[in-house]
Every structure is written in structure tokens, then in C-alpha cells.
């Protein structure tokens, strides 16, 4: 006999998981929409040329992509994020108006090593502003994420902010100038908190960055704290570096916007934050829990990616919620709010079952959560089942009462019963 089981790295979602997911996603969607973000959806499958574009996710992530030839011999793949499909979506619409503010919630797939809490199929929840080059759009994204994380109640968190231009300029100043070395250094910096110092030096060595240079890089990137303090420190050490100054100017303007949005107290500048994906070009952000330091959202500016698909550069910035991690946090807090059965309609005697169905439907027409027996249980077992599912009230449909146009309504919490007319059940 064939063993029936899930594909490795995939998972099922139980009822409580789906209720929690639906409630949280709906809440976040309302937050996004009140700030002018609107939904789109893109296909799970994309052409390989899109997924593997030179300014897309980069070699490391494309190596994790599920890809295969279709029946026509064309190479296609499952999307590994929601950003690259958005880029393709924008490139196909020449008349789209800017700024284009979108959100999207959907599945993505990556062929990674599986372990507890890490799967090959998972959800992402993104917002993006396309067409706005000003850091005003960066601040809008940061403020929106702060609003969402605060309202759903994940706990205390901070938004770490950096700028790739500042980091790139600093690397150039320290003698790291070739594109291969710069991108390699960025990827290594992104792993700093996951590896030992010896392992980090080993990673730098892969890109011909010697230990002395690596130590200088780590020292330069150790700056973190209040935005104004970090900016002042960088200006003092790199006063004539054009690339650093360009990034600092963006950070200074971002600070002013964050103050205006009222979220600057949630933000910390941390120059060691670079984000691993190769398509980021300016400010990058990451929301982390204060307790434990888990990352629960991340994003940044990617001004070059859309331009690699069309004939002109179109700036963009976005943020992705770590929705799976957030849901796990809320699940631990007993955040699941399962819909409660308001009325369970019980029939006393087989001849009453159709009357019970009609009464249940009448109550559902009044937008109530109603259930009735589907298993052919006797009266006693129907009552036990109603109690087991936590029904608030039971409507007992019996032949004597129905002959007079009545039913018995029992409050399952108080134990009180009353006879009421069929048309007045809701007032009982």
C-alpha cells in the first residue's frame, strides 16, 4: 500500500490556525486600506526569466526556487517572494498611476532545509509604494507597519533602520570596491548575528577580504542608537565620502518624516542591518521584538529592479510582515477567537428534524451562528454535543410545543429554560 503523507516541507493548517490567520489577516488588511493600500494578486507560477532576473532575488535565493519545464518546454518556477511578481505586474502596465500603493497576502515557496518552524511553503504579507522616490514613501511604509504591529498586539518591538548607500560608501572607503566584494560583504554582514566571529571572518575571506579589513568593517558597522547620534558619528568619520553622505541625507530626511508620523520613538538606526537580498538600493528596515530579538517584518527600497524589466527606472519601497512568526506569537498568547455557536437547534423525535432545519435557517437569516444535528443523534446526545461545542443557547423542537407554535429555549450557561413562540426566539 502506498504511504499517504505530505510533501516534505509542507504542512496542514488546523481549524484554530485558520481562524487565527483569518482574523489577523483581516485586521491587518483594514489597517492597510485605511492608509490607502489596496490589494492585488499575482500567479503562483512565474517565468524563470522573471524569477532569475539580474536585479531580482540573487543567486542564493534562485537556487532555492522550485523550478521545472512546463509541458511546452518553457522553464517556470514557483514564486519565492511577492516582490518580484509585483515588479513583473508593474512592467506589464504602462498606464498605471503613481504612487501605486498595494498590499498582497499569499503563499511563497523556497527549497530550504526544513526544521521546526521552517517550511518550504509559507505565507508573506507585503505592502509596497511604487513610483515615489522620496523617503516620504519609506516613512509611510514604516509607519504602516508600526501601526499594524501595535494594533495586533505582538508585544514590544523596535524598527531597525539602515541605508545601503551608507554601508556601500563605508566599504569603498575601507578598500572594498569591486561589485563582487561589496555584494559578498553585504551578504556576510547580514549573517553577523547568526555566526561566530571566526565564522564571520571565514565568510569575508571567501570574497578576498582579509581579517584586518573585516575587523574594520565590523567596527564601523557597530554604530547603533538614536538616529541623530548615529548620523552625527558617521558625518564625523566620513565627511568627504559622497556615497555615505548621500545615504546620510536620506536618513536625516527620514528622521523628520518619522517624527511627523509620530513613530520615531519606535525606531533605532543600526548600520549592521543590510538585509540579504541583492535588490535593495537605499534605506532598509527590520522590525524586531525587544524580547528575544526575533525579526517580525523587514523591507527596504529597491529602485533598480523594475527598471531591469522596462525601459525606465521606477523607484519602489516595501515591507514584508513575517506573518507566520507573528501568528505563532499570537497563538502562544491564546489569541484564537473561535466563532461561538449562538443557537443549537435540537429536535425531540425524528418527525421534528425538518422543523428543526427550518427554524435553524430562519435564525441564520438573522445573521446568527446556528448549528443543528447532522448525525442522526438521539435527543440526549444532541444536548451533549451542543454542550461540548459551547453553544450559548439550545432551541428544543418538540411535538407538543410545535403543535402550539412554540419551542423551548435553554440558556446553556444559566441552565434556565423558557417556552417561546417560534417567531420570537431571538428575544428569548
Protein backbone atom coordinates (compact mmCIF):
# COMPACT_ATOMS: atom_id res chain seq x y z
CA UNK A 1 0.00 0.00 0.00
CA UNK A 2 1.25 3.47 -0.88
CA UNK A 3 2.05 5.56 2.18
CA UNK A 4 -0.02 8.74 2.07
CA UNK A 5 1.77 11.74 3.57
CA UNK A 6 2.52 15.39 2.90
CA UNK A 7 5.34 16.53 0.66
CA UNK A 8 8.43 17.35 2.76
CA UNK A 9 8.42 20.94 3.95
CA UNK A 10 4.66 21.41 3.52
CA UNK A 11 2.05 21.48 6.27
CA UNK A 12 -1.65 21.36 7.01
CA UNK A 13 -3.42 24.13 8.91
CA UNK A 14 -5.84 23.14 11.67
CA UNK A 15 -9.15 24.89 12.31
CA UNK A 16 -7.83 27.11 15.11
CA UNK A 17 -4.82 28.03 12.96
CA UNK A 18 -7.09 29.13 10.13
CA UNK A 19 -9.42 31.09 12.42
CA UNK A 20 -6.46 32.95 13.91
CA UNK A 21 -4.96 33.53 10.47
CA UNK A 22 -8.24 34.85 9.04
CA UNK A 23 -8.85 37.21 11.97
CA UNK A 24 -5.32 38.63 11.99
CA UNK A 25 -5.12 38.99 8.21
CA UNK A 26 -8.50 40.76 8.13
CA UNK A 27 -7.38 43.16 10.86
CA UNK A 28 -4.14 43.98 9.03
CA UNK A 29 -5.97 44.46 5.72
CA UNK A 30 -8.23 47.06 7.36
CA UNK A 31 -5.15 48.89 8.68
CA UNK A 32 -3.53 48.89 5.24
CA UNK A 33 -6.67 50.05 3.48
CA UNK A 34 -7.26 52.99 5.80
CA UNK A 35 -3.80 54.19 4.72
CA UNK A 36 -4.61 53.87 1.03
CA UNK A 37 -3.02 50.49 0.25
CA UNK A 38 -5.20 48.28 -1.97
CA UNK A 39 -4.99 44.54 -2.74
CA UNK A 40 -3.68 42.74 -5.80
CA UNK A 41 -2.98 39.06 -6.51
CA UNK A 42 -0.34 37.53 -8.76
CA UNK A 43 0.11 33.93 -10.01
CA UNK A 44 1.98 31.32 -8.01
CA UNK A 45 3.96 30.48 -11.17
CA UNK A 46 6.27 32.92 -12.95
CA UNK A 47 8.58 32.59 -15.93
CA UNK A 48 12.11 31.67 -14.93
CA UNK A 49 13.49 34.78 -16.69
CA UNK A 50 11.45 36.88 -14.23
CA UNK A 51 12.45 34.97 -11.10
CA UNK A 52 16.13 34.82 -12.09
CA UNK A 53 16.45 38.40 -13.41
CA UNK A 54 19.80 40.02 -12.65
CA UNK A 55 18.22 42.53 -10.24
CA UNK A 56 15.76 40.07 -8.71
CA UNK A 57 16.45 37.93 -5.64
CA UNK A 58 20.03 36.93 -6.45
CA UNK A 59 21.75 33.58 -6.92
CA UNK A 60 21.33 32.38 -3.34
CA UNK A 61 17.56 32.65 -3.44
CA UNK A 62 17.10 31.42 -7.03
CA UNK A 63 18.98 28.28 -6.02
CA UNK A 64 16.16 27.69 -3.52
CA UNK A 65 13.44 28.11 -6.16
CA UNK A 66 11.15 25.27 -7.16
CA UNK A 67 11.52 25.36 -10.96
CA UNK A 68 10.84 22.99 -13.84
CA UNK A 69 9.97 22.92 -17.56
CA UNK A 70 6.26 23.06 -18.36
CA UNK A 71 4.70 20.76 -20.96
CA UNK A 72 5.72 23.19 -23.69
CA UNK A 73 9.36 23.09 -22.61
CA UNK A 74 9.30 26.59 -21.06
CA UNK A 75 11.13 26.95 -17.74
CA UNK A 76 8.89 28.26 -14.98
CA UNK A 77 9.04 28.41 -11.18
CA UNK A 78 7.03 28.95 -8.03
CA UNK A 79 7.39 32.49 -6.69
CA UNK A 80 9.87 32.79 -3.80
CA UNK A 81 8.56 36.17 -2.67
CA UNK A 82 5.83 38.66 -3.59
CA UNK A 83 8.14 41.49 -4.67
CA UNK A 84 9.47 40.05 -7.93
CA UNK A 85 5.94 39.20 -9.17
CA UNK A 86 4.94 42.78 -8.31
CA UNK A 87 7.81 44.04 -10.46
CA UNK A 88 6.55 41.94 -13.37
CA UNK A 89 2.98 43.16 -12.72
CA UNK A 90 4.08 46.82 -12.88
CA UNK A 91 6.21 46.28 -16.00
CA UNK A 92 3.18 44.95 -17.90
CA UNK A 93 1.03 48.04 -17.17
CA UNK A 94 2.35 51.14 -18.92
CA UNK A 95 -0.64 53.29 -17.90
CA UNK A 96 -0.53 52.59 -14.18
CA UNK A 97 -0.80 55.68 -11.98
CA UNK A 98 1.79 56.58 -9.35
CA UNK A 99 2.19 56.29 -6.48
CA UNK A 100 0.86 52.76 -6.72
CA UNK A 101 0.22 51.52 -3.17
CA UNK A 102 -0.50 47.81 -2.95
CA UNK A 103 -0.72 45.05 -0.41
CA UNK A 104 -0.68 41.34 -1.06
CA UNK A 105 -1.07 38.26 1.12
CA UNK A 106 -0.14 34.93 -0.40
CA UNK A 107 1.88 31.73 -0.42
CA UNK A 108 5.52 31.58 -1.49
CA UNK A 109 7.88 28.62 -1.85
CA UNK A 110 11.60 28.12 -1.15
CA UNK A 111 13.54 24.87 -1.23
CA UNK A 112 15.34 25.30 2.09
CA UNK A 113 16.43 22.87 4.77
CA UNK A 114 13.41 22.15 6.95
CA UNK A 115 13.40 22.32 10.73
CA UNK A 116 10.93 23.17 13.48
CA UNK A 117 9.05 26.30 12.46
CA UNK A 118 10.67 26.48 8.99
CA UNK A 119 8.80 25.17 5.99
CA UNK A 120 9.21 25.21 2.22
CA UNK A 121 5.76 26.68 1.74
CA UNK A 122 4.77 29.72 3.77
CA UNK A 123 2.88 32.99 3.56
CA UNK A 124 4.10 36.55 3.11
CA UNK A 125 2.17 39.75 3.67
CA UNK A 126 3.62 42.74 1.81
CA UNK A 127 2.99 46.43 1.30
CA UNK A 128 4.76 48.45 -1.38
CA UNK A 129 4.77 52.00 -2.70
CA UNK A 130 5.80 52.13 -6.37
CA UNK A 131 6.73 55.30 -8.23
CA UNK A 132 7.75 57.53 -5.28
CA UNK A 133 11.47 58.28 -4.96
CA UNK A 134 11.16 60.38 -1.79
CA UNK A 135 11.86 58.84 1.60
CA UNK A 136 8.33 60.02 2.41
CA UNK A 137 7.27 56.66 0.96
CA UNK A 138 9.79 54.83 3.17
CA UNK A 139 8.32 56.59 6.21
CA UNK A 140 4.79 55.72 5.10
CA UNK A 141 5.73 52.03 4.98
CA UNK A 142 7.46 52.14 8.37
CA UNK A 143 4.54 53.97 9.98
CA UNK A 144 2.06 51.50 8.50
CA UNK A 145 3.96 48.51 9.84
CA UNK A 146 4.27 50.14 13.29
CA UNK A 147 0.51 50.72 13.23
CA UNK A 148 -0.20 47.11 12.24
CA UNK A 149 2.18 45.50 14.76
CA UNK A 150 0.89 47.73 17.56
CA UNK A 151 -2.77 47.04 16.83
CA UNK A 152 -2.49 43.25 16.60
CA UNK A 153 -0.56 43.16 19.88
CA UNK A 154 2.65 41.24 19.19
CA UNK A 155 4.42 42.84 22.15
CA UNK A 156 7.13 45.49 22.43
CA UNK A 157 9.23 45.93 19.29
CA UNK A 158 11.69 48.29 17.61
CA UNK A 159 12.21 49.11 13.94
CA UNK A 160 15.89 48.94 13.00
CA UNK A 161 16.85 51.22 10.10
CA UNK A 162 19.97 51.45 7.97
CA UNK A 163 20.95 52.60 4.50
CA UNK A 164 22.77 50.50 1.90
CA UNK A 165 24.38 53.60 0.39
CA UNK A 166 25.99 54.43 3.73
CA UNK A 167 27.26 50.86 4.10
CA UNK A 168 28.49 50.71 0.49
CA UNK A 169 30.31 54.03 0.83
CA UNK A 170 31.91 52.89 4.07
CA UNK A 171 33.04 49.64 2.41
CA UNK A 172 34.57 51.60 -0.50
CA UNK A 173 36.41 53.82 1.99
CA UNK A 174 37.86 50.69 3.61
CA UNK A 175 39.11 49.38 0.26
CA UNK A 176 36.19 47.09 -0.66
CA UNK A 177 35.39 48.37 -4.16
CA UNK A 178 34.61 45.61 -6.67
CA UNK A 179 30.93 44.72 -7.06
CA UNK A 180 31.67 41.09 -6.15
CA UNK A 181 33.40 42.11 -2.92
CA UNK A 182 30.75 44.67 -1.97
CA UNK A 183 27.86 42.24 -2.50
CA UNK A 184 29.79 39.47 -0.74
CA UNK A 185 30.48 41.76 2.20
CA UNK A 186 26.78 42.71 2.34
CA UNK A 187 25.76 39.05 2.43
CA UNK A 188 28.30 38.39 5.17
CA UNK A 189 27.21 41.40 7.24
CA UNK A 190 23.64 40.09 7.04
CA UNK A 191 24.83 36.92 8.84
CA UNK A 192 26.70 38.66 11.67
CA UNK A 193 24.16 37.78 14.37
CA UNK A 194 23.91 34.14 13.27
CA UNK A 195 27.63 33.22 13.14
CA UNK A 196 30.61 33.32 15.49
CA UNK A 197 33.30 35.93 14.92
CA UNK A 198 35.65 33.27 13.49
CA UNK A 199 32.95 32.12 11.08
CA UNK A 200 32.31 35.71 10.00
CA UNK A 201 36.00 36.19 9.21
CA UNK A 202 35.82 32.95 7.21
CA UNK A 203 32.86 34.29 5.21
CA UNK A 204 34.71 37.55 4.47
CA UNK A 205 37.73 35.53 3.33
CA UNK A 206 35.59 33.93 0.59
CA UNK A 207 35.43 37.36 -1.04
CA UNK A 208 39.17 38.11 -0.60
CA UNK A 209 38.51 40.39 2.36
CA UNK A 210 41.33 39.97 4.84
CA UNK A 211 40.91 39.74 8.60
CA UNK A 212 42.16 43.29 9.22
CA UNK A 213 39.68 44.73 6.73
CA UNK A 214 36.91 42.55 8.13
CA UNK A 215 37.59 43.81 11.65
CA UNK A 216 37.45 47.43 10.40
CA UNK A 217 34.12 46.71 8.70
CA UNK A 218 32.62 45.19 11.83
CA UNK A 219 33.86 48.10 13.94
CA UNK A 220 32.45 50.70 11.52
CA UNK A 221 29.09 48.94 11.47
CA UNK A 222 28.83 48.66 15.25
CA UNK A 223 27.12 52.06 15.45
CA UNK A 224 23.54 51.86 16.61
CA UNK A 225 21.25 54.02 18.66
CA UNK A 226 19.21 57.18 18.32
CA UNK A 227 19.06 58.34 14.69
CA UNK A 228 20.61 61.76 15.35
CA UNK A 229 23.54 60.25 17.27
CA UNK A 230 24.35 57.73 14.53
CA UNK A 231 24.17 60.36 11.79
CA UNK A 232 26.48 62.69 13.75
CA UNK A 233 29.01 59.89 14.24
CA UNK A 234 29.04 58.96 10.53
CA UNK A 235 29.44 62.57 9.41
CA UNK A 236 32.43 62.93 11.70
CA UNK A 237 34.21 59.81 10.40
CA UNK A 238 33.30 60.03 6.69
CA UNK A 239 32.93 63.78 5.98
CA UNK A 240 34.02 63.61 2.31
CA UNK A 241 32.57 60.32 1.13
CA UNK A 242 29.85 61.16 -1.42
CA UNK A 243 28.13 57.78 -1.19
CA UNK A 244 27.99 57.91 2.60
CA UNK A 245 26.73 61.50 2.52
CA UNK A 246 24.01 60.59 0.03
CA UNK A 247 22.76 57.85 2.36
CA UNK A 248 23.02 60.06 5.44
CA UNK A 249 20.96 62.78 3.71
CA UNK A 250 18.25 60.19 3.11
CA UNK A 251 18.39 59.07 6.73
CA UNK A 252 18.18 62.64 8.01
CA UNK A 253 15.11 63.32 5.87
CA UNK A 254 13.61 60.01 7.01
CA UNK A 255 14.04 61.07 10.65
CA UNK A 256 12.00 64.22 10.00
CA UNK A 257 9.20 62.20 8.42
CA UNK A 258 9.21 59.62 11.21
CA UNK A 259 8.90 62.46 13.73
CA UNK A 260 5.90 63.79 11.80
CA UNK A 261 4.30 60.33 11.74
CA UNK A 262 4.89 60.04 15.49
CA UNK A 263 6.82 56.78 15.30
CA UNK A 264 10.45 57.90 15.77
CA UNK A 265 10.44 56.55 19.33
CA UNK A 266 9.96 53.08 17.84
CA UNK A 267 12.98 53.41 15.55
CA UNK A 268 16.70 52.75 16.03
CA UNK A 269 19.49 53.28 13.48
CA UNK A 270 21.66 50.16 13.19
CA UNK A 271 24.25 50.23 10.41
CA UNK A 272 24.88 46.49 10.67
CA UNK A 273 21.44 45.96 9.14
CA UNK A 274 21.78 45.46 5.38
CA UNK A 275 19.10 42.84 4.52
CA UNK A 276 20.33 39.91 2.45
CA UNK A 277 18.52 40.38 -0.84
CA UNK A 278 20.64 41.95 -3.54
CA UNK A 279 17.96 44.24 -4.95
CA UNK A 280 17.89 46.77 -2.07
CA UNK A 281 19.37 50.16 -3.00
CA UNK A 282 18.74 52.64 -0.17
CA UNK A 283 17.09 52.59 3.23
CA UNK A 284 16.40 49.15 4.71
CA UNK A 285 14.28 48.31 7.75
CA UNK A 286 13.55 45.45 10.09
CA UNK A 287 11.08 45.20 12.97
CA UNK A 288 12.33 43.08 15.88
CA UNK A 289 10.76 42.06 19.16
CA UNK A 290 12.51 43.61 22.15
CA UNK A 291 12.23 40.29 23.99
CA UNK A 292 14.29 37.69 22.15
CA UNK A 293 15.14 39.89 19.19
CA UNK A 294 13.08 37.90 16.68
CA UNK A 295 12.58 39.60 13.32
CA UNK A 296 8.86 40.05 12.57
CA UNK A 297 8.99 42.31 9.49
CA UNK A 298 11.54 43.61 7.03
CA UNK A 299 11.97 45.52 3.82
CA UNK A 300 13.57 48.45 2.10
CA UNK A 301 13.97 50.47 -1.06
CA UNK A 302 14.57 48.73 -4.39
CA UNK A 303 14.81 51.44 -7.06
CA UNK A 304 16.61 49.40 -9.76
CA UNK A 305 14.54 46.22 -10.03
CA UNK A 306 11.56 47.43 -12.06
CA UNK A 307 13.88 49.30 -14.42
CA UNK A 308 15.54 46.00 -15.33
CA UNK A 309 12.24 44.90 -16.88
CA UNK A 310 11.19 48.19 -18.52
CA UNK A 311 12.98 50.96 -20.37
CA UNK A 312 12.95 53.45 -17.47
CA UNK A 313 13.78 53.43 -13.79
CA UNK A 314 10.76 53.24 -11.49
CA UNK A 315 11.52 53.67 -7.77
CA UNK A 316 9.86 51.45 -5.18
CA UNK A 317 9.93 50.66 -1.49
CA UNK A 318 8.20 47.96 0.51
CA UNK A 319 7.87 45.98 3.72
CA UNK A 320 7.03 42.32 4.31
CA UNK A 321 5.40 41.16 7.54
CA UNK A 322 6.71 37.92 8.99
CA UNK A 323 3.14 36.73 9.20
CA UNK A 324 3.99 33.12 10.15
CA UNK A 325 6.13 34.22 13.10
CA UNK A 326 3.52 36.75 14.17
CA UNK A 327 0.78 34.11 14.11
CA UNK A 328 2.91 31.78 16.24
CA UNK A 329 3.40 34.57 18.80
CA UNK A 330 -0.32 35.31 18.93
CA UNK A 331 -1.17 31.61 19.17
CA UNK A 332 1.02 31.35 22.28
CA UNK A 333 -0.95 34.26 23.74
CA UNK A 334 -4.21 32.31 23.26
CA UNK A 335 -5.31 34.84 20.65
CA UNK A 336 -7.58 32.38 18.78
CA UNK A 337 -11.19 33.56 18.82
CA UNK A 338 -13.22 30.63 17.53
CA UNK A 339 -16.75 31.58 16.36
CA UNK A 340 -19.22 30.55 19.07
CA UNK A 341 -22.42 28.70 18.18
CA UNK A 342 -25.19 31.04 19.29
CA UNK A 343 -28.03 28.57 18.81
CA UNK A 344 -28.03 24.79 18.51
CA UNK A 345 -31.40 23.54 17.32
CA UNK A 346 -32.28 20.16 18.85
CA UNK A 347 -35.20 18.01 17.71
CA UNK A 348 -37.08 15.70 20.06
CA UNK A 349 -38.29 12.88 17.87
CA UNK A 350 -37.42 12.03 14.28
CA UNK A 351 -40.60 13.66 12.97
CA UNK A 352 -39.31 17.05 14.18
CA UNK A 353 -35.98 17.08 12.27
CA UNK A 354 -37.30 19.04 9.27
CA UNK A 355 -38.93 21.60 11.55
CA UNK A 356 -35.54 21.96 13.29
CA UNK A 357 -33.86 22.65 9.96
CA UNK A 358 -36.45 25.31 9.05
CA UNK A 359 -36.01 27.05 12.42
CA UNK A 360 -32.19 26.91 12.05
CA UNK A 361 -32.44 28.53 8.62
CA UNK A 362 -34.73 31.27 9.93
CA UNK A 363 -32.17 32.09 12.64
CA UNK A 364 -29.32 32.07 10.10
CA UNK A 365 -31.30 34.56 8.02
CA UNK A 366 -30.95 36.87 11.04
CA UNK A 367 -27.14 36.51 10.78
CA UNK A 368 -26.82 34.21 13.78
CA UNK A 369 -24.31 31.34 14.11
CA UNK A 370 -26.53 28.29 14.15
CA UNK A 371 -26.00 24.53 14.04
CA UNK A 372 -28.27 21.53 14.01
CA UNK A 373 -27.70 17.78 14.16
CA UNK A 374 -26.34 16.04 11.06
CA UNK A 375 -25.52 12.66 12.63
CA UNK A 376 -28.97 11.30 13.49
CA UNK A 377 -28.24 11.52 17.22
CA UNK A 378 -30.97 10.96 19.79
CA UNK A 379 -32.16 13.87 21.91
CA UNK A 380 -29.76 13.20 24.79
CA UNK A 381 -26.71 13.02 22.56
CA UNK A 382 -27.74 16.16 20.69
CA UNK A 383 -27.79 18.01 24.01
CA UNK A 384 -24.36 16.60 24.94
CA UNK A 385 -22.94 17.71 21.60
CA UNK A 386 -24.39 21.21 21.98
CA UNK A 387 -22.73 21.45 25.38
CA UNK A 388 -19.41 20.12 24.02
CA UNK A 389 -19.17 22.77 21.27
CA UNK A 390 -20.05 25.55 23.74
CA UNK A 391 -23.40 26.55 22.25
CA UNK A 392 -24.82 29.53 24.12
CA UNK A 393 -28.45 28.53 23.71
CA UNK A 394 -30.30 25.41 22.64
CA UNK A 395 -33.63 25.56 20.82
CA UNK A 396 -35.61 22.39 21.58
CA UNK A 397 -38.14 21.48 18.90
CA UNK A 398 -40.66 19.05 20.36
CA UNK A 399 -44.01 17.82 19.00
CA UNK A 400 -46.15 19.15 21.89
CA UNK A 401 -44.64 22.65 21.77
CA UNK A 402 -44.65 22.81 17.96
CA UNK A 403 -48.35 21.90 17.91
CA UNK A 404 -48.89 25.25 19.67
CA UNK A 405 -46.32 27.12 17.54
CA UNK A 406 -43.76 27.15 20.36
CA UNK A 407 -40.27 25.89 21.16
CA UNK A 408 -38.19 25.65 24.33
CA UNK A 409 -35.11 27.89 24.52
CA UNK A 410 -32.45 26.86 27.06
CA UNK A 411 -29.63 29.16 28.16
CA UNK A 412 -26.72 26.71 28.43
CA UNK A 413 -24.72 28.92 30.80
CA UNK A 414 -27.51 29.70 33.26
CA UNK A 415 -29.46 26.47 32.80
CA UNK A 416 -32.71 28.46 32.57
CA UNK A 417 -35.45 27.38 30.13
CA UNK A 418 -38.47 29.20 28.72
CA UNK A 419 -41.20 28.44 26.22
CA UNK A 420 -41.41 30.99 23.42
CA UNK A 421 -43.18 31.40 20.12
CA UNK A 422 -41.18 30.22 17.11
CA UNK A 423 -41.11 33.76 15.73
CA UNK A 424 -39.74 35.22 18.98
CA UNK A 425 -36.72 33.01 19.62
CA UNK A 426 -34.25 35.90 19.23
CA UNK A 427 -35.93 37.86 22.02
CA UNK A 428 -35.79 34.96 24.47
